[in-house]
């Protein structure tokens, strides 16, 4: 057996450093549990519920979710209820 070049071995540490994993954002807390599809669904719901949404009263994008089904508008000061995850239109 002769000496090998470090780059020719597919399992060499040099090749593994260049590999990247996908960003998992908020569902990274689940680690390797539950599978890809359930984590994608949770990620979609959490992204939707955490972004600012359109106020049904003043029509500005200033509504934030306080808790499950409770929302408040920073622009007009209204506090109201709606769906658990996002403001229904």
Protein backbone atom coordinates (compact mmCIF):
# COMPACT_ATOMS: atom_id res chain seq x y z
CA UNK A 1 0.00 0.00 0.00
CA UNK A 2 1.30 3.35 -0.98
CA UNK A 3 0.73 6.75 0.59
CA UNK A 4 -2.53 8.34 -0.51
CA UNK A 5 -3.34 11.92 -1.23
CA UNK A 6 -5.62 13.37 1.48
CA UNK A 7 -8.04 14.69 -1.16
CA UNK A 8 -8.49 11.38 -2.98
CA UNK A 9 -10.12 9.54 -0.07
CA UNK A 10 -13.90 10.28 -0.10
CA UNK A 11 -14.12 9.92 3.68
CA UNK A 12 -11.19 12.23 4.39
CA UNK A 13 -11.68 15.07 6.88
CA UNK A 14 -10.80 17.61 4.19
CA UNK A 15 -13.80 16.61 2.02
CA UNK A 16 -16.20 16.55 4.98
CA UNK A 17 -15.41 20.14 5.93
CA UNK A 18 -16.75 21.39 2.59
CA UNK A 19 -20.14 19.67 3.01
CA UNK A 20 -22.97 21.82 4.40
CA UNK A 21 -26.30 21.01 5.97
CA UNK A 22 -29.60 22.75 5.28
CA UNK A 23 -30.75 25.53 7.59
CA UNK A 24 -33.59 24.32 9.79
CA UNK A 25 -34.35 27.62 11.53
CA UNK A 26 -36.86 27.33 14.40
CA UNK A 27 -37.31 23.53 14.18
CA UNK A 28 -33.62 22.86 14.88
CA UNK A 29 -34.65 22.42 18.52
CA UNK A 30 -36.19 19.05 17.59
CA UNK A 31 -32.86 17.62 16.41
CA UNK A 32 -33.11 14.28 14.63
CA UNK A 33 -36.59 13.52 16.00
CA UNK A 34 -40.00 13.50 14.23
CA UNK A 35 -38.89 13.45 10.56
CA UNK A 36 -38.71 16.01 7.77
CA UNK A 37 -42.38 16.54 6.87
CA UNK A 38 -43.75 17.27 10.38
CA UNK A 39 -40.86 19.66 11.00
CA UNK A 40 -41.56 21.48 7.70
CA UNK A 41 -45.21 21.93 8.72
CA UNK A 42 -44.27 23.31 12.14
CA UNK A 43 -41.71 25.64 10.56
CA UNK A 44 -44.31 27.04 8.11
CA UNK A 45 -46.81 27.68 10.91
CA UNK A 46 -44.24 29.32 13.19
CA UNK A 47 -42.94 31.60 10.44
CA UNK A 48 -46.49 32.71 9.65
CA UNK A 49 -47.47 33.36 13.27
CA UNK A 50 -44.30 35.32 14.13
CA UNK A 51 -44.31 37.80 11.25
CA UNK A 52 -46.26 41.06 11.28
CA UNK A 53 -49.73 40.75 9.81
CA UNK A 54 -52.35 43.07 8.33
CA UNK A 55 -54.70 44.77 10.79
CA UNK A 56 -58.40 44.27 9.95
CA UNK A 57 -59.24 47.70 11.44
CA UNK A 58 -56.59 50.16 10.19
CA UNK A 59 -55.24 47.96 7.32
CA UNK A 60 -51.59 48.47 8.30
CA UNK A 61 -49.02 45.72 8.63
CA UNK A 62 -48.55 46.14 12.37
CA UNK A 63 -50.32 43.21 14.07
CA UNK A 64 -48.31 40.91 16.33
CA UNK A 65 -49.45 37.71 18.00
CA UNK A 66 -49.46 37.99 21.81
CA UNK A 67 -50.61 34.46 22.63
CA UNK A 68 -52.80 31.75 21.16
CA UNK A 69 -55.58 33.60 19.33
CA UNK A 70 -54.76 37.04 20.81
CA UNK A 71 -53.38 39.83 18.64
CA UNK A 72 -52.56 43.50 19.08
CA UNK A 73 -52.01 46.24 16.51
CA UNK A 74 -49.11 48.59 17.23
CA UNK A 75 -50.51 51.25 14.87
CA UNK A 76 -54.09 51.66 16.11
CA UNK A 77 -53.76 50.01 19.53
CA UNK A 78 -56.63 47.54 18.97
CA UNK A 79 -56.51 44.19 20.73
CA UNK A 80 -58.57 41.40 19.23
CA UNK A 81 -58.94 37.65 18.77
CA UNK A 82 -58.65 35.56 15.64
CA UNK A 83 -57.35 32.17 14.53
CA UNK A 84 -54.72 30.44 16.66
CA UNK A 85 -51.87 30.89 14.17
CA UNK A 86 -52.66 33.86 11.92
CA UNK A 87 -55.18 36.64 11.46
CA UNK A 88 -58.08 35.46 9.30
CA UNK A 89 -59.20 37.67 6.46
